[in-house]
C-alpha atoms as a PDB file:
ATOM      1  CA  UNK A   1      47.294 -30.149  36.526  1.00  0.00           C
ATOM      2  CA  UNK A   2      43.896 -30.389  37.959  1.00  0.00           C
ATOM      3  CA  UNK A   3      43.869 -26.731  38.291  1.00  0.00           C
ATOM      4  CA  UNK A   4      44.716 -26.227  34.678  1.00  0.00           C
ATOM      5  CA  UNK A   5      42.061 -28.576  33.676  1.00  0.00           C
ATOM      6  CA  UNK A   6      39.609 -26.596  35.847  1.00  0.00           C
ATOM      7  CA  UNK A   7      40.600 -23.448  34.054  1.00  0.00           C
ATOM      8  CA  UNK A   8      40.060 -24.991  30.600  1.00  0.00           C
ATOM      9  CA  UNK A   9      36.567 -26.109  31.533  1.00  0.00           C
ATOM     10  CA  UNK A  10      35.870 -22.802  32.843  1.00  0.00           C
ATOM     11  CA  UNK A  11      37.340 -21.099  29.581  1.00  0.00           C
ATOM     12  CA  UNK A  12      35.124 -23.686  27.517  1.00  0.00           C
ATOM     13  CA  UNK A  13      31.669 -22.562  29.618  1.00  0.00           C
ATOM     14  CA  UNK A  14      32.444 -19.159  28.829  1.00  0.00           C
ATOM     15  CA  UNK A  15      33.464 -19.944  25.156  1.00  0.00           C
ATOM     16  CA  UNK A  16      30.307 -21.775  25.005  1.00  0.00           C
ATOM     17  CA  UNK A  17      28.296 -18.878  26.564  1.00  0.00           C
ATOM     18  CA  UNK A  18      29.654 -16.650  24.083  1.00  0.00           C
ATOM     19  CA  UNK A  19      28.535 -18.739  21.270  1.00  0.00           C
ATOM     20  CA  UNK A  20      24.990 -19.203  22.529  1.00  0.00           C
ATOM     21  CA  UNK A  21      24.674 -15.317  22.760  1.00  0.00           C
ATOM     22  CA  UNK A  22      25.952 -15.442  18.996  1.00  0.00           C
ATOM     23  CA  UNK A  23      23.679 -17.715  17.978  1.00  0.00           C
ATOM     24  CA  UNK A  24      20.941 -16.028  19.719  1.00  0.00           C
ATOM     25  CA  UNK A  25      22.140 -12.674  18.277  1.00  0.00           C
ATOM     26  CA  UNK A  26      22.070 -13.996  14.804  1.00  0.00           C
ATOM     27  CA  UNK A  27      18.772 -15.333  14.904  1.00  0.00           C
ATOM     28  CA  UNK A  28      17.626 -11.857  15.736  1.00  0.00           C
ATOM     29  CA  UNK A  29      19.202 -10.238  12.898  1.00  0.00           C
ATOM     30  CA  UNK A  30      17.992 -13.237  10.509  1.00  0.00           C
ATOM     31  CA  UNK A  31      14.498 -12.213  11.898  1.00  0.00           C
ATOM     32  CA  UNK A  32      15.168  -8.629  11.223  1.00  0.00           C
ATOM     33  CA  UNK A  33      16.164  -9.094   7.765  1.00  0.00           C
ATOM     34  CA  UNK A  34      13.226 -11.307   6.730  1.00  0.00           C
ATOM     35  CA  UNK A  35      10.899  -8.451   7.969  1.00  0.00           C
ATOM     36  CA  UNK A  36      13.072  -5.618   6.085  1.00  0.00           C
ATOM     37  CA  UNK A  37      12.924  -7.988   3.180  1.00  0.00           C
ATOM     38  CA  UNK A  38       9.007  -8.682   3.379  1.00  0.00           C
ATOM     39  CA  UNK A  39       8.704  -4.650   3.914  1.00  0.00           C
ATOM     40  CA  UNK A  40      10.735  -3.845   1.267  1.00  0.00           C
ATOM     41  CA  UNK A  41       8.897  -5.974  -1.450  1.00  0.00           C
ATOM     42  CA  UNK A  42       5.854  -4.367  -0.130  1.00  0.00           C
ATOM     43  CA  UNK A  43       7.096  -0.658  -0.595  1.00  0.00           C
ATOM     44  CA  UNK A  44       8.539  -1.928  -4.432  1.00  0.00           C
ATOM     45  CA  UNK A  45       5.287  -3.167  -5.186  1.00  0.00           C
ATOM     46  CA  UNK A  46       3.192  -0.151  -3.881  1.00  0.00           C
ATOM     47  CA  UNK A  47       5.761   1.996  -5.759  1.00  0.00           C
ATOM     48  CA  UNK A  48       5.179  -0.085  -9.429  1.00  0.00           C
ATOM     49  CA  UNK A  49       1.679  -0.018  -8.830  1.00  0.00           C
ATOM     50  CA  UNK A  50       1.746   3.932  -8.369  1.00  0.00           C
ATOM     51  CA  UNK A  51       4.210   4.275 -11.383  1.00  0.00           C
ATOM     52  CA  UNK A  52       1.724   2.224 -13.540  1.00  0.00           C
ATOM     53  CA  UNK A  53      -1.255   4.322 -12.172  1.00  0.00           C
ATOM     54  CA  UNK A  54       1.278   7.971 -13.315  1.00  0.00           C
ATOM     55  CA  UNK A  55       1.860   6.582 -16.396  1.00  0.00           C
ATOM     56  CA  UNK A  56      -1.709   5.584 -17.683  1.00  0.00           C
ATOM     57  CA  UNK A  57      -2.769   9.189 -16.565  1.00  0.00           C
ATOM     58  CA  UNK A  58       0.184  10.504 -18.717  1.00  0.00           C
ATOM     59  CA  UNK A  59      -0.941   8.499 -21.304  1.00  0.00           C
ATOM     60  CA  UNK A  60      -4.540  10.077 -21.039  1.00  0.00           C
ATOM     61  CA  UNK A  61      -3.212  13.659 -20.872  1.00  0.00           C
ATOM     62  CA  UNK A  62      -1.015  13.058 -23.706  1.00  0.00           C
ATOM     63  CA  UNK A  63      -3.861  11.920 -25.596  1.00  0.00           C
ATOM     64  CA  UNK A  64      -6.273  14.560 -24.768  1.00  0.00           C
ATOM     65  CA  UNK A  65      -3.441  17.208 -25.691  1.00  0.00           C
ATOM     66  CA  UNK A  66      -3.127  15.752 -29.178  1.00  0.00           C
ATOM     67  CA  UNK A  67      -6.897  15.972 -29.535  1.00  0.00           C
ATOM     68  CA  UNK A  68      -6.605  19.720 -27.980  1.00  0.00           C
ATOM     69  CA  UNK A  69      -3.708  20.324 -30.395  1.00  0.00           C
ATOM     70  CA  UNK A  70      -6.106  19.589 -33.350  1.00  0.00           C
ATOM     71  CA  UNK A  71      -8.912  21.422 -32.215  1.00  0.00           C
ATOM     72  CA  UNK A  72      -6.711  24.763 -31.597  1.00  0.00           C
ATOM     73  CA  UNK A  73      -5.342  24.139 -35.148  1.00  0.00           C
ATOM     74  CA  UNK A  74      -8.775  23.690 -36.898  1.00  0.00           C
ATOM     75  CA  UNK A  75      -9.624  26.890 -34.757  1.00  0.00           C
ATOM     76  CA  UNK A  76      -6.841  28.817 -35.530  1.00  0.00           C
ATOM     77  CA  UNK A  77      -7.466  28.267 -39.385  1.00  0.00           C
ATOM     78  CA  UNK A  78     -11.238  29.376 -38.932  1.00  0.00           C
ATOM     79  CA  UNK A  79      -9.858  32.531 -37.257  1.00  0.00           C
ATOM     80  CA  UNK A  80      -7.571  33.192 -40.015  1.00  0.00           C
ATOM     81  CA  UNK A  81     -10.471  32.722 -42.501  1.00  0.00           C
ATOM     82  CA  UNK A  82     -12.523  34.769 -40.637  1.00  0.00           C
ATOM     83  CA  UNK A  83     -10.180  37.760 -40.481  1.00  0.00           C
ATOM     84  CA  UNK A  84      -9.208  37.429 -44.073  1.00  0.00           C
ATOM     85  CA  UNK A  85     -12.965  38.061 -44.593  1.00  0.00           C
ATOM     86  CA  UNK A  86     -13.609  40.513 -42.112  1.00  0.00           C
ATOM     87  CA  UNK A  87     -10.677  42.286 -43.812  1.00  0.00           C
ATOM     88  CA  UNK A  88     -12.511  41.976 -47.294  1.00  0.00           C
ATOM     89  CA  UNK A  89     -15.375  43.589 -46.054  1.00  0.00           C
ATOM     90  CA  UNK A  90     -13.497  46.479 -44.340  1.00  0.00           C
ATOM     91  CA  UNK A  91     -11.679  47.074 -47.702  1.00  0.00           C
ATOM     92  CA  UNK A  92     -14.966  46.981 -49.642  1.00  0.00           C
ATOM     93  CA  UNK A  93     -16.675  49.279 -47.067  1.00  0.00           C
ATOM     94  CA  UNK A  94     -14.154  51.838 -47.454  1.00  0.00           C
ATOM     95  CA  UNK A  95     -13.583  51.312 -51.195  1.00  0.00           C
END
């Protein structure tokens, strides 16, 4: 009987050590998860900030392109008018 009790106590000590190791491992995992969460949060904020910057740049470029289109349309109409005037002058000179 005494031998069985010693064996049970020995096994309880082994289990206790295993539980201690599991608890320590869990603590390390929790620390790593906390660090990862913090790092991901930082990267997410950086990515959002960059995305906002890019949206603003695209907005500025879009506005500039709209202005350029107006200028191009205006210059195109002027070119057409000048082409017509040159054609009239050429026809008068020929005729």
